[in-house]
Amino acid sequence: MKIVITDVSVFFDLYHLQILPEFFALDLEIHTTDFVYNEITNSVQKSEYTLD
């Protein structure tokens, strides 16, 4: 299954709930844009986002 995330708030919510690693561990194909990824400015948060 593919998931396309078009708003950074989804990532921020998952991070705040401390379930971001579990989200990325799901058997899903996750896509977003550079624009969304570039909205993440906190280096600690950015290190947890394993977007290719």
N, C-alpha and C. Protein backbone atom coordinates (compact mmCIF):
# COMPACT_ATOMS: atom_id res chain seq x y z
N MET A 1 0.83 -1.17 0.00
CA MET A 1 0.00 0.00 0.00
C MET A 1 0.89 1.24 0.00
N LYS A 2 0.48 2.22 -0.79
CA LYS A 2 1.20 3.49 -0.84
C LYS A 2 0.47 4.52 0.01
N ILE A 3 1.26 5.34 0.70
CA ILE A 3 0.72 6.48 1.43
C ILE A 3 1.48 7.71 0.96
N VAL A 4 0.73 8.74 0.59
CA VAL A 4 1.33 10.00 0.18
C VAL A 4 0.97 11.05 1.23
N ILE A 5 1.98 11.67 1.80
CA ILE A 5 1.76 12.68 2.83
C ILE A 5 2.05 14.04 2.22
N THR A 6 1.05 14.90 2.27
CA THR A 6 1.17 16.20 1.62
C THR A 6 1.22 17.36 2.62
N ASP A 7 1.22 17.05 3.90
CA ASP A 7 1.26 18.09 4.92
C ASP A 7 2.19 17.64 6.05
N VAL A 8 3.09 18.51 6.44
CA VAL A 8 4.08 18.15 7.44
C VAL A 8 3.47 17.89 8.81
N SER A 9 2.27 18.40 9.06
CA SER A 9 1.66 18.22 10.38
C SER A 9 1.46 16.75 10.73
N VAL A 10 1.27 15.91 9.73
CA VAL A 10 1.14 14.46 9.98
C VAL A 10 2.42 13.94 10.65
N PHE A 11 3.57 14.32 10.10
CA PHE A 11 4.84 13.89 10.69
C PHE A 11 5.03 14.47 12.08
N PHE A 12 4.67 15.75 12.26
CA PHE A 12 4.81 16.37 13.57
C PHE A 12 3.93 15.68 14.61
N ASP A 13 2.72 15.31 14.23
CA ASP A 13 1.83 14.61 15.15
C ASP A 13 2.40 13.25 15.54
N LEU A 14 2.89 12.51 14.57
CA LEU A 14 3.49 11.20 14.85
C LEU A 14 4.73 11.35 15.74
N TYR A 15 5.52 12.37 15.49
CA TYR A 15 6.71 12.64 16.30
C TYR A 15 6.30 12.98 17.73
N HIS A 16 5.33 13.84 17.88
CA HIS A 16 4.86 14.26 19.21
C HIS A 16 4.31 13.08 20.00
N LEU A 17 3.64 12.16 19.32
CA LEU A 17 3.11 10.96 19.97
C LEU A 17 4.17 9.90 20.22
N GLN A 18 5.38 10.16 19.75
CA GLN A 18 6.53 9.26 19.90
C GLN A 18 6.28 7.90 19.23
N ILE A 19 5.63 7.94 18.07
CA ILE A 19 5.37 6.70 17.33
C ILE A 19 5.91 6.78 15.90
N LEU A 20 6.78 7.74 15.64
CA LEU A 20 7.32 7.88 14.30
C LEU A 20 8.10 6.65 13.85
N PRO A 21 8.98 6.08 14.69
CA PRO A 21 9.70 4.86 14.24
C PRO A 21 8.75 3.71 13.90
N GLU A 22 7.69 3.57 14.68
CA GLU A 22 6.73 2.50 14.42
C GLU A 22 5.99 2.75 13.10
N PHE A 23 5.70 4.01 12.80
CA PHE A 23 5.05 4.35 11.54
C PHE A 23 5.92 3.96 10.36
N PHE A 24 7.21 4.31 10.43
CA PHE A 24 8.11 3.98 9.32
C PHE A 24 8.42 2.48 9.26
N ALA A 25 8.16 1.74 10.33
CA ALA A 25 8.40 0.30 10.34
C ALA A 25 7.24 -0.47 9.70
N LEU A 26 6.11 0.19 9.48
CA LEU A 26 4.98 -0.48 8.85
C LEU A 26 5.33 -0.87 7.41
N ASP A 27 4.67 -1.89 6.93
CA ASP A 27 4.91 -2.36 5.57
C ASP A 27 4.13 -1.48 4.58
N LEU A 28 4.60 -0.23 4.46
CA LEU A 28 3.96 0.76 3.60
C LEU A 28 5.01 1.45 2.75
N GLU A 29 4.58 1.93 1.62
CA GLU A 29 5.43 2.75 0.76
C GLU A 29 5.00 4.19 1.00
N ILE A 30 5.86 4.96 1.67
CA ILE A 30 5.52 6.31 2.10
C ILE A 30 6.20 7.33 1.19
N HIS A 31 5.40 8.27 0.67
CA HIS A 31 5.92 9.30 -0.23
C HIS A 31 5.53 10.67 0.29
N THR A 32 6.38 11.64 0.04
CA THR A 32 6.07 13.04 0.31
C THR A 32 6.90 13.89 -0.64
N THR A 33 6.76 15.18 -0.52
CA THR A 33 7.50 16.07 -1.41
C THR A 33 8.67 16.70 -0.67
N ASP A 34 9.59 17.25 -1.42
CA ASP A 34 10.70 17.98 -0.82
C ASP A 34 10.19 19.18 -0.02
N PHE A 35 9.11 19.78 -0.48
CA PHE A 35 8.55 20.93 0.21
C PHE A 35 8.11 20.57 1.63
N VAL A 36 7.46 19.42 1.76
CA VAL A 36 7.03 18.96 3.09
C VAL A 36 8.25 18.65 3.94
N TYR A 37 9.18 17.90 3.40
CA TYR A 37 10.38 17.53 4.16
C TYR A 37 11.16 18.77 4.60
N ASN A 38 11.24 19.77 3.75
CA ASN A 38 12.01 20.98 4.08
C ASN A 38 11.35 21.85 5.14
N GLU A 39 10.09 21.57 5.46
CA GLU A 39 9.43 22.29 6.55
C GLU A 39 9.90 21.80 7.92
N ILE A 40 10.56 20.67 7.95
CA ILE A 40 11.09 20.13 9.21
C ILE A 40 12.43 20.81 9.44
N THR A 41 12.47 21.70 10.42
CA THR A 41 13.69 22.49 10.65
C THR A 41 14.44 22.07 11.90
N ASN A 42 13.78 21.39 12.82
CA ASN A 42 14.44 20.93 14.04
C ASN A 42 15.34 19.74 13.71
N SER A 43 16.64 19.87 13.98
CA SER A 43 17.59 18.82 13.58
C SER A 43 17.33 17.49 14.28
N VAL A 44 16.83 17.52 15.51
CA VAL A 44 16.51 16.27 16.22
C VAL A 44 15.35 15.57 15.53
N GLN A 45 14.33 16.35 15.17
CA GLN A 45 13.21 15.76 14.45
C GLN A 45 13.64 15.26 13.08
N LYS A 46 14.42 16.06 12.38
CA LYS A 46 14.82 15.72 11.02
C LYS A 46 15.59 14.39 10.99
N SER A 47 16.37 14.12 12.05
CA SER A 47 17.15 12.89 12.08
C SER A 47 16.26 11.65 12.17
N GLU A 48 15.02 11.80 12.63
CA GLU A 48 14.11 10.67 12.75
C GLU A 48 13.32 10.38 11.49
N TYR A 49 13.31 11.33 10.56
CA TYR A 49 12.56 11.15 9.33
C TYR A 49 13.47 10.48 8.30
N THR A 50 13.14 9.25 7.97
CA THR A 50 13.97 8.47 7.07
C THR A 50 13.39 8.48 5.67
N LEU A 51 13.20 9.67 5.15
CA LEU A 51 12.63 9.79 3.82
C LEU A 51 13.72 9.73 2.77
N ASP A 52 13.46 9.03 1.71
CA ASP A 52 14.40 8.93 0.61
C ASP A 52 14.02 9.87 -0.49
